[in-house]
């Protein structure tokens, strides 16, 4: 299996990726608004719960994620 040492990921998270199996991945729109594969987590499971809001379409979901994680930097980046 090919692995990289140049990753900016936290070593713990990188190890989770290395140990993940196909059944640990889910197809979700919760990160970007577009279908993508991600490791199952409390975050992805919350989006699958009954009564969870629908994800916003691309690019709005991405902008929401940028706002949450980057604050004003995300707004500046997203608007150019």
PDB file of N, CA and C in Angstrom:
ATOM      1  N   UNK A   1       0.846  -1.176   0.000  1.00  0.00           N
ATOM      2  CA  UNK A   1       0.000   0.000   0.000  1.00  0.00           C
ATOM      3  C   UNK A   1       0.891   1.238   0.000  1.00  0.00           C
ATOM      4  N   UNK A   2       0.606   2.160  -0.908  1.00  0.00           N
ATOM      5  CA  UNK A   2       1.388   3.405  -0.978  1.00  0.00           C
ATOM      6  C   UNK A   2       0.935   4.363   0.117  1.00  0.00           C
ATOM      7  N   UNK A   3       1.879   4.953   0.777  1.00  0.00           N
ATOM      8  CA  UNK A   3       1.602   5.933   1.826  1.00  0.00           C
ATOM      9  C   UNK A   3       2.513   7.126   1.631  1.00  0.00           C
ATOM     10  N   UNK A   4       2.065   8.263   2.134  1.00  0.00           N
ATOM     11  CA  UNK A   4       2.867   9.463   1.988  1.00  0.00           C
ATOM     12  C   UNK A   4       3.337   9.967   3.348  1.00  0.00           C
ATOM     13  N   UNK A   5       4.494  10.555   3.374  1.00  0.00           N
ATOM     14  CA  UNK A   5       4.992  11.166   4.609  1.00  0.00           C
ATOM     15  C   UNK A   5       4.833  12.678   4.558  1.00  0.00           C
ATOM     16  N   UNK A   6       4.416  13.218   3.397  1.00  0.00           N
ATOM     17  CA  UNK A   6       4.292  14.659   3.236  1.00  0.00           C
ATOM     18  C   UNK A   6       2.921  15.192   3.627  1.00  0.00           C
ATOM     19  N   UNK A   7       2.093  14.409   4.235  1.00  0.00           N
ATOM     20  CA  UNK A   7       0.742  14.817   4.596  1.00  0.00           C
ATOM     21  C   UNK A   7       0.750  15.849   5.723  1.00  0.00           C
ATOM     22  N   UNK A   8      -0.188  16.801   5.642  1.00  0.00           N
ATOM     23  CA  UNK A   8      -0.345  17.785   6.710  1.00  0.00           C
ATOM     24  C   UNK A   8      -1.313  17.300   7.780  1.00  0.00           C
ATOM     25  N   UNK A   9      -1.858  16.106   7.602  1.00  0.00           N
ATOM     26  CA  UNK A   9      -2.805  15.571   8.578  1.00  0.00           C
ATOM     27  C   UNK A   9      -2.111  15.252   9.891  1.00  0.00           C
ATOM     28  N   UNK A  10      -2.894  15.365  10.949  1.00  0.00           N
ATOM     29  CA  UNK A  10      -2.431  14.936  12.257  1.00  0.00           C
ATOM     30  C   UNK A  10      -2.102  13.441  12.172  1.00  0.00           C
ATOM     31  N   UNK A  11      -1.013  12.995  12.790  1.00  0.00           N
ATOM     32  CA  UNK A  11      -0.642  11.572  12.695  1.00  0.00           C
ATOM     33  C   UNK A  11      -1.759  10.617  13.122  1.00  0.00           C
ATOM     34  N   UNK A  12      -2.566  11.010  14.126  1.00  0.00           N
ATOM     35  CA  UNK A  12      -3.671  10.144  14.556  1.00  0.00           C
ATOM     36  C   UNK A  12      -4.702   9.968  13.450  1.00  0.00           C
ATOM     37  N   UNK A  13      -5.049  11.063  12.786  1.00  0.00           N
ATOM     38  CA  UNK A  13      -6.016  11.000  11.701  1.00  0.00           C
ATOM     39  C   UNK A  13      -5.439  10.223  10.520  1.00  0.00           C
ATOM     40  N   UNK A  14      -4.191  10.435  10.215  1.00  0.00           N
ATOM     41  CA  UNK A  14      -3.536   9.692   9.139  1.00  0.00           C
ATOM     42  C   UNK A  14      -3.609   8.195   9.423  1.00  0.00           C
ATOM     43  N   UNK A  15      -3.385   7.803  10.666  1.00  0.00           N
ATOM     44  CA  UNK A  15      -3.459   6.391  11.036  1.00  0.00           C
ATOM     45  C   UNK A  15      -4.869   5.841  10.827  1.00  0.00           C
ATOM     46  N   UNK A  16      -5.892   6.661  11.129  1.00  0.00           N
ATOM     47  CA  UNK A  16      -7.283   6.233  10.878  1.00  0.00           C
ATOM     48  C   UNK A  16      -7.494   5.929   9.406  1.00  0.00           C
ATOM     49  N   UNK A  17      -6.948   6.764   8.534  1.00  0.00           N
ATOM     50  CA  UNK A  17      -7.073   6.522   7.098  1.00  0.00           C
ATOM     51  C   UNK A  17      -6.361   5.237   6.705  1.00  0.00           C
ATOM     52  N   UNK A  18      -5.171   5.022   7.232  1.00  0.00           N
ATOM     53  CA  UNK A  18      -4.407   3.814   6.903  1.00  0.00           C
ATOM     54  C   UNK A  18      -5.160   2.553   7.320  1.00  0.00           C
ATOM     55  N   UNK A  19      -5.834   2.607   8.466  1.00  0.00           N
ATOM     56  CA  UNK A  19      -6.507   1.427   9.008  1.00  0.00           C
ATOM     57  C   UNK A  19      -7.928   1.244   8.489  1.00  0.00           C
ATOM     58  N   UNK A  20      -8.468   2.233   7.791  1.00  0.00           N
ATOM     59  CA  UNK A  20      -9.854   2.186   7.340  1.00  0.00           C
ATOM     60  C   UNK A  20     -10.066   1.093   6.300  1.00  0.00           C
ATOM     61  N   UNK A  21     -11.250   0.515   6.345  1.00  0.00           N
ATOM     62  CA  UNK A  21     -11.666  -0.476   5.359  1.00  0.00           C
ATOM     63  C   UNK A  21     -12.784   0.138   4.520  1.00  0.00           C
ATOM     64  N   UNK A  22     -13.166  -0.508   3.470  1.00  0.00           N
ATOM     65  CA  UNK A  22     -14.203   0.021   2.581  1.00  0.00           C
ATOM     66  C   UNK A  22     -15.494   0.304   3.341  1.00  0.00           C
ATOM     67  N   UNK A  23     -15.862  -0.543   4.276  1.00  0.00           N
ATOM     68  CA  UNK A  23     -17.119  -0.356   5.012  1.00  0.00           C
ATOM     69  C   UNK A  23     -17.051   0.805   6.020  1.00  0.00           C
ATOM     70  N   UNK A  24     -15.872   1.376   6.238  1.00  0.00           N
ATOM     71  CA  UNK A  24     -15.727   2.540   7.121  1.00  0.00           C
ATOM     72  C   UNK A  24     -16.026   3.850   6.385  1.00  0.00           C
ATOM     73  N   UNK A  25     -16.178   3.783   5.066  1.00  0.00           N
ATOM     74  CA  UNK A  25     -16.446   4.975   4.267  1.00  0.00           C
ATOM     75  C   UNK A  25     -17.935   5.107   4.001  1.00  0.00           C
ATOM     76  N   UNK A  26     -18.380   6.344   3.895  1.00  0.00           N
ATOM     77  CA  UNK A  26     -19.770   6.630   3.556  1.00  0.00           C
ATOM     78  C   UNK A  26     -19.787   7.624   2.405  1.00  0.00           C
ATOM     79  N   UNK A  27     -20.858   7.602   1.656  1.00  0.00           N
ATOM     80  CA  UNK A  27     -21.073   8.595   0.605  1.00  0.00           C
ATOM     81  C   UNK A  27     -21.906   9.699   1.243  1.00  0.00           C
ATOM     82  N   UNK A  28     -21.426  10.923   1.184  1.00  0.00           N
ATOM     83  CA  UNK A  28     -22.103  12.024   1.855  1.00  0.00           C
ATOM     84  C   UNK A  28     -22.014  13.296   1.026  1.00  0.00           C
ATOM     85  N   UNK A  29     -22.917  14.205   1.291  1.00  0.00           N
ATOM     86  CA  UNK A  29     -22.874  15.547   0.710  1.00  0.00           C
ATOM     87  C   UNK A  29     -22.611  16.576   1.810  1.00  0.00           C
ATOM     88  N   UNK A  30     -22.395  16.118   3.026  1.00  0.00           N
ATOM     89  CA  UNK A  30     -22.325  17.020   4.172  1.00  0.00           C
ATOM     90  C   UNK A  30     -21.090  17.913   4.186  1.00  0.00           C
ATOM     91  N   UNK A  31     -20.063  17.580   3.445  1.00  0.00           N
ATOM     92  CA  UNK A  31     -18.853  18.401   3.457  1.00  0.00           C
ATOM     93  C   UNK A  31     -18.882  19.479   2.384  1.00  0.00           C
ATOM     94  N   UNK A  32     -19.284  19.118   1.175  1.00  0.00           N
ATOM     95  CA  UNK A  32     -19.178  20.057   0.057  1.00  0.00           C
ATOM     96  C   UNK A  32     -20.497  20.377  -0.631  1.00  0.00           C
ATOM     97  N   UNK A  33     -21.503  19.556  -0.421  1.00  0.00           N
ATOM     98  CA  UNK A  33     -22.736  19.683  -1.187  1.00  0.00           C
ATOM     99  C   UNK A  33     -22.739  18.756  -2.390  1.00  0.00           C
ATOM    100  N   UNK A  34     -21.558  18.275  -2.785  1.00  0.00           N
ATOM    101  CA  UNK A  34     -21.430  17.305  -3.867  1.00  0.00           C
ATOM    102  C   UNK A  34     -21.204  15.931  -3.234  1.00  0.00           C
ATOM    103  N   UNK A  35     -21.625  14.873  -3.893  1.00  0.00           N
ATOM    104  CA  UNK A  35     -21.357  13.540  -3.335  1.00  0.00           C
ATOM    105  C   UNK A  35     -19.853  13.307  -3.211  1.00  0.00           C
ATOM    106  N   UNK A  36     -19.436  12.816  -2.073  1.00  0.00           N
ATOM    107  CA  UNK A  36     -18.029  12.461  -1.870  1.00  0.00           C
ATOM    108  C   UNK A  36     -17.961  11.330  -0.851  1.00  0.00           C
ATOM    109  N   UNK A  37     -16.820  10.677  -0.805  1.00  0.00           N
ATOM    110  CA  UNK A  37     -16.603   9.610   0.184  1.00  0.00           C
ATOM    111  C   UNK A  37     -15.830  10.185   1.345  1.00  0.00           C
ATOM    112  N   UNK A  38     -16.227   9.790   2.540  1.00  0.00           N
ATOM    113  CA  UNK A  38     -15.560  10.236   3.761  1.00  0.00           C
ATOM    114  C   UNK A  38     -15.589   9.085   4.755  1.00  0.00           C
ATOM    115  N   UNK A  39     -14.693   9.128   5.706  1.00  0.00           N
ATOM    116  CA  UNK A  39     -14.760   8.128   6.770  1.00  0.00           C
ATOM    117  C   UNK A  39     -15.952   8.434   7.657  1.00  0.00           C
ATOM    118  N   UNK A  40     -16.665   7.386   8.029  1.00  0.00           N
ATOM    119  CA  UNK A  40     -17.814   7.535   8.929  1.00  0.00           C
ATOM    120  C   UNK A  40     -17.335   8.198  10.218  1.00  0.00           C
ATOM    121  N   UNK A  41     -18.102   9.162  10.690  1.00  0.00           N
ATOM    122  CA  UNK A  41     -17.759   9.870  11.921  1.00  0.00           C
ATOM    123  C   UNK A  41     -19.049  10.339  12.588  1.00  0.00           C
ATOM    124  N   UNK A  42     -18.934  10.930  13.763  1.00  0.00           N
ATOM    125  CA  UNK A  42     -20.124  11.499  14.405  1.00  0.00           C
ATOM    126  C   UNK A  42     -20.730  12.576  13.512  1.00  0.00           C
ATOM    127  N   UNK A  43     -19.883  13.312  12.806  1.00  0.00           N
ATOM    128  CA  UNK A  43     -20.347  14.365  11.910  1.00  0.00           C
ATOM    129  C   UNK A  43     -21.184  13.787  10.772  1.00  0.00           C
ATOM    130  N   UNK A  44     -20.673  12.780  10.074  1.00  0.00           N
ATOM    131  CA  UNK A  44     -21.430  12.208   8.956  1.00  0.00           C
ATOM    132  C   UNK A  44     -22.680  11.490   9.458  1.00  0.00           C
ATOM    133  N   UNK A  45     -22.594  10.850  10.614  1.00  0.00           N
ATOM    134  CA  UNK A  45     -23.765  10.161  11.160  1.00  0.00           C
ATOM    135  C   UNK A  45     -24.859  11.150  11.563  1.00  0.00           C
ATOM    136  N   UNK A  46     -24.487  12.325  12.058  1.00  0.00           N
ATOM    137  CA  UNK A  46     -25.481  13.339  12.430  1.00  0.00           C
ATOM    138  C   UNK A  46     -26.294  13.765  11.215  1.00  0.00           C
ATOM    139  N   UNK A  47     -25.660  13.847  10.044  1.00  0.00           N
ATOM    140  CA  UNK A  47     -26.357  14.239   8.825  1.00  0.00           C
ATOM    141  C   UNK A  47     -27.308  13.159   8.339  1.00  0.00           C
ATOM    142  N   UNK A  48     -27.124  11.921   8.784  1.00  0.00           N
ATOM    143  CA  UNK A  48     -27.978  10.809   8.351  1.00  0.00           C
ATOM    144  C   UNK A  48     -29.169  10.584   9.269  1.00  0.00           C
ATOM    145  N   UNK A  49     -29.230  11.288  10.391  1.00  0.00           N
ATOM    146  CA  UNK A  49     -30.298  11.081  11.364  1.00  0.00           C
ATOM    147  C   UNK A  49     -31.634  11.597  10.851  1.00  0.00           C
ATOM    148  N   UNK A  50     -32.738  10.954  11.263  1.00  0.00           N
ATOM    149  CA  UNK A  50     -34.058  11.486  10.901  1.00  0.00           C
ATOM    150  C   UNK A  50     -34.186  12.909  11.449  1.00  0.00           C
ATOM    151  N   UNK A  51     -34.732  13.790  10.651  1.00  0.00           N
ATOM    152  CA  UNK A  51     -34.907  15.173  11.077  1.00  0.00           C
ATOM    153  C   UNK A  51     -33.698  16.059  10.835  1.00  0.00           C
ATOM    154  N   UNK A  52     -32.582  15.475  10.358  1.00  0.00           N
ATOM    155  CA  UNK A  52     -31.402  16.288  10.048  1.00  0.00           C
ATOM    156  C   UNK A  52     -31.729  17.175   8.854  1.00  0.00           C
ATOM    157  N   UNK A  53     -31.199  18.380   8.837  1.00  0.00           N
ATOM    158  CA  UNK A  53     -31.483  19.252   7.688  1.00  0.00           C
ATOM    159  C   UNK A  53     -30.854  18.697   6.414  1.00  0.00           C
ATOM    160  N   UNK A  54     -31.430  19.069   5.302  1.00  0.00           N
ATOM    161  CA  UNK A  54     -30.843  18.684   4.012  1.00  0.00           C
ATOM    162  C   UNK A  54     -29.574  19.502   3.809  1.00  0.00           C
ATOM    163  N   UNK A  55     -28.613  18.919   3.125  1.00  0.00           N
ATOM    164  CA  UNK A  55     -27.401  19.680   2.821  1.00  0.00           C
ATOM    165  C   UNK A  55     -27.720  20.717   1.759  1.00  0.00           C
ATOM    166  N   UNK A  56     -26.965  21.778   1.780  1.00  0.00           N
ATOM    167  CA  UNK A  56     -27.106  22.819   0.771  1.00  0.00           C
ATOM    168  C   UNK A  56     -26.431  22.361  -0.516  1.00  0.00           C
ATOM    169  N   UNK A  57     -26.872  22.860  -1.664  1.00  0.00           N
ATOM    170  CA  UNK A  57     -26.202  22.477  -2.911  1.00  0.00           C
ATOM    171  C   UNK A  57     -24.826  23.128  -3.005  1.00  0.00           C
ATOM    172  N   UNK A  58     -24.002  22.566  -3.838  1.00  0.00           N
ATOM    173  CA  UNK A  58     -22.690  23.117  -4.130  1.00  0.00           C
ATOM    174  C   UNK A  58     -22.875  24.459  -4.810  1.00  0.00           C
ATOM    175  N   UNK A  59     -22.229  25.520  -4.482  1.00  0.00           N
ATOM    176  CA  UNK A  59     -21.109  25.688  -3.561  1.00  0.00           C
ATOM    177  C   UNK A  59     -21.523  26.160  -2.170  1.00  0.00           C
ATOM    178  N   UNK A  60     -22.827  26.237  -1.898  1.00  0.00           N
ATOM    179  CA  UNK A  60     -23.268  26.805  -0.620  1.00  0.00           C
ATOM    180  C   UNK A  60     -22.814  25.985   0.573  1.00  0.00           C
ATOM    181  N   UNK A  61     -22.841  24.650   0.469  1.00  0.00           N
ATOM    182  CA  UNK A  61     -22.398  23.818   1.591  1.00  0.00           C
ATOM    183  C   UNK A  61     -20.914  24.043   1.862  1.00  0.00           C
ATOM    184  N   UNK A  62     -20.115  24.187   0.809  1.00  0.00           N
ATOM    185  CA  UNK A  62     -18.689  24.458   0.969  1.00  0.00           C
ATOM    186  C   UNK A  62     -18.481  25.795   1.667  1.00  0.00           C
ATOM    187  N   UNK A  63     -19.242  26.819   1.281  1.00  0.00           N
ATOM    188  CA  UNK A  63     -19.119  28.125   1.926  1.00  0.00           C
ATOM    189  C   UNK A  63     -19.468  28.038   3.407  1.00  0.00           C
ATOM    190  N   UNK A  64     -20.484  27.251   3.737  1.00  0.00           N
ATOM    191  CA  UNK A  64     -20.848  27.057   5.137  1.00  0.00           C
ATOM    192  C   UNK A  64     -19.712  26.390   5.896  1.00  0.00           C
ATOM    193  N   UNK A  65     -19.096  25.385   5.293  1.00  0.00           N
ATOM    194  CA  UNK A  65     -17.975  24.685   5.922  1.00  0.00           C
ATOM    195  C   UNK A  65     -16.791  25.633   6.109  1.00  0.00           C
ATOM    196  N   UNK A  66     -16.498  26.437   5.090  1.00  0.00           N
ATOM    197  CA  UNK A  66     -15.397  27.399   5.200  1.00  0.00           C
ATOM    198  C   UNK A  66     -15.659  28.392   6.324  1.00  0.00           C
ATOM    199  N   UNK A  67     -16.882  28.864   6.435  1.00  0.00           N
ATOM    200  CA  UNK A  67     -17.238  29.817   7.488  1.00  0.00           C
ATOM    201  C   UNK A  67     -17.027  29.181   8.864  1.00  0.00           C
ATOM    202  N   UNK A  68     -17.441  27.943   9.011  1.00  0.00           N
ATOM    203  CA  UNK A  68     -17.303  27.253  10.283  1.00  0.00           C
ATOM    204  C   UNK A  68     -15.840  27.040  10.652  1.00  0.00           C
ATOM    205  N   UNK A  69     -15.042  26.594   9.679  1.00  0.00           N
ATOM    206  CA  UNK A  69     -13.662  26.245   9.971  1.00  0.00           C
ATOM    207  C   UNK A  69     -12.673  27.393   9.837  1.00  0.00           C
ATOM    208  N   UNK A  70     -13.001  28.379   9.026  1.00  0.00           N
ATOM    209  CA  UNK A  70     -12.028  29.428   8.735  1.00  0.00           C
ATOM    210  C   UNK A  70     -12.478  30.814   9.165  1.00  0.00           C
ATOM    211  N   UNK A  71     -13.725  30.980   9.554  1.00  0.00           N
ATOM    212  CA  UNK A  71     -14.213  32.293   9.947  1.00  0.00           C
ATOM    213  C   UNK A  71     -14.084  33.287   8.818  1.00  0.00           C
ATOM    214  N   UNK A  72     -13.605  34.454   9.116  1.00  0.00           N
ATOM    215  CA  UNK A  72     -13.521  35.502   8.097  1.00  0.00           C
ATOM    216  C   UNK A  72     -12.547  35.149   6.985  1.00  0.00           C
ATOM    217  N   UNK A  73     -11.554  34.342   7.251  1.00  0.00           N
ATOM    218  CA  UNK A  73     -10.629  33.937   6.184  1.00  0.00           C
ATOM    219  C   UNK A  73     -11.382  33.163   5.108  1.00  0.00           C
ATOM    220  N   UNK A  74     -12.331  32.311   5.523  1.00  0.00           N
ATOM    221  CA  UNK A  74     -13.124  31.548   4.560  1.00  0.00           C
ATOM    222  C   UNK A  74     -13.948  32.460   3.679  1.00  0.00           C
ATOM    223  N   UNK A  75     -14.521  33.520   4.236  1.00  0.00           N
ATOM    224  CA  UNK A  75     -15.306  34.458   3.434  1.00  0.00           C
ATOM    225  C   UNK A  75     -14.410  35.144   2.402  1.00  0.00           C
ATOM    226  N   UNK A  76     -13.242  35.555   2.842  1.00  0.00           N
ATOM    227  CA  UNK A  76     -12.334  36.249   1.922  1.00  0.00           C
ATOM    228  C   UNK A  76     -11.892  35.307   0.805  1.00  0.00           C
ATOM    229  N   UNK A  77     -11.564  34.067   1.167  1.00  0.00           N
ATOM    230  CA  UNK A  77     -11.109  33.096   0.171  1.00  0.00           C
ATOM    231  C   UNK A  77     -12.232  32.761  -0.804  1.00  0.00           C
ATOM    232  N   UNK A  78     -13.421  32.516  -0.272  1.00  0.00           N
ATOM    233  CA  UNK A  78     -14.532  32.083  -1.114  1.00  0.00           C
ATOM    234  C   UNK A  78     -14.979  33.181  -2.072  1.00  0.00           C
ATOM    235  N   UNK A  79     -14.812  34.428  -1.701  1.00  0.00           N
ATOM    236  CA  UNK A  79     -15.265  35.515  -2.568  1.00  0.00           C
ATOM    237  C   UNK A  79     -14.142  36.048  -3.434  1.00  0.00           C
ATOM    238  N   UNK A  80     -12.948  35.519  -3.293  1.00  0.00           N
ATOM    239  CA  UNK A  80     -11.823  35.950  -4.115  1.00  0.00           C
ATOM    240  C   UNK A  80     -11.157  37.142  -3.500  1.00  0.00           C
TER     241      UNK A  80
END
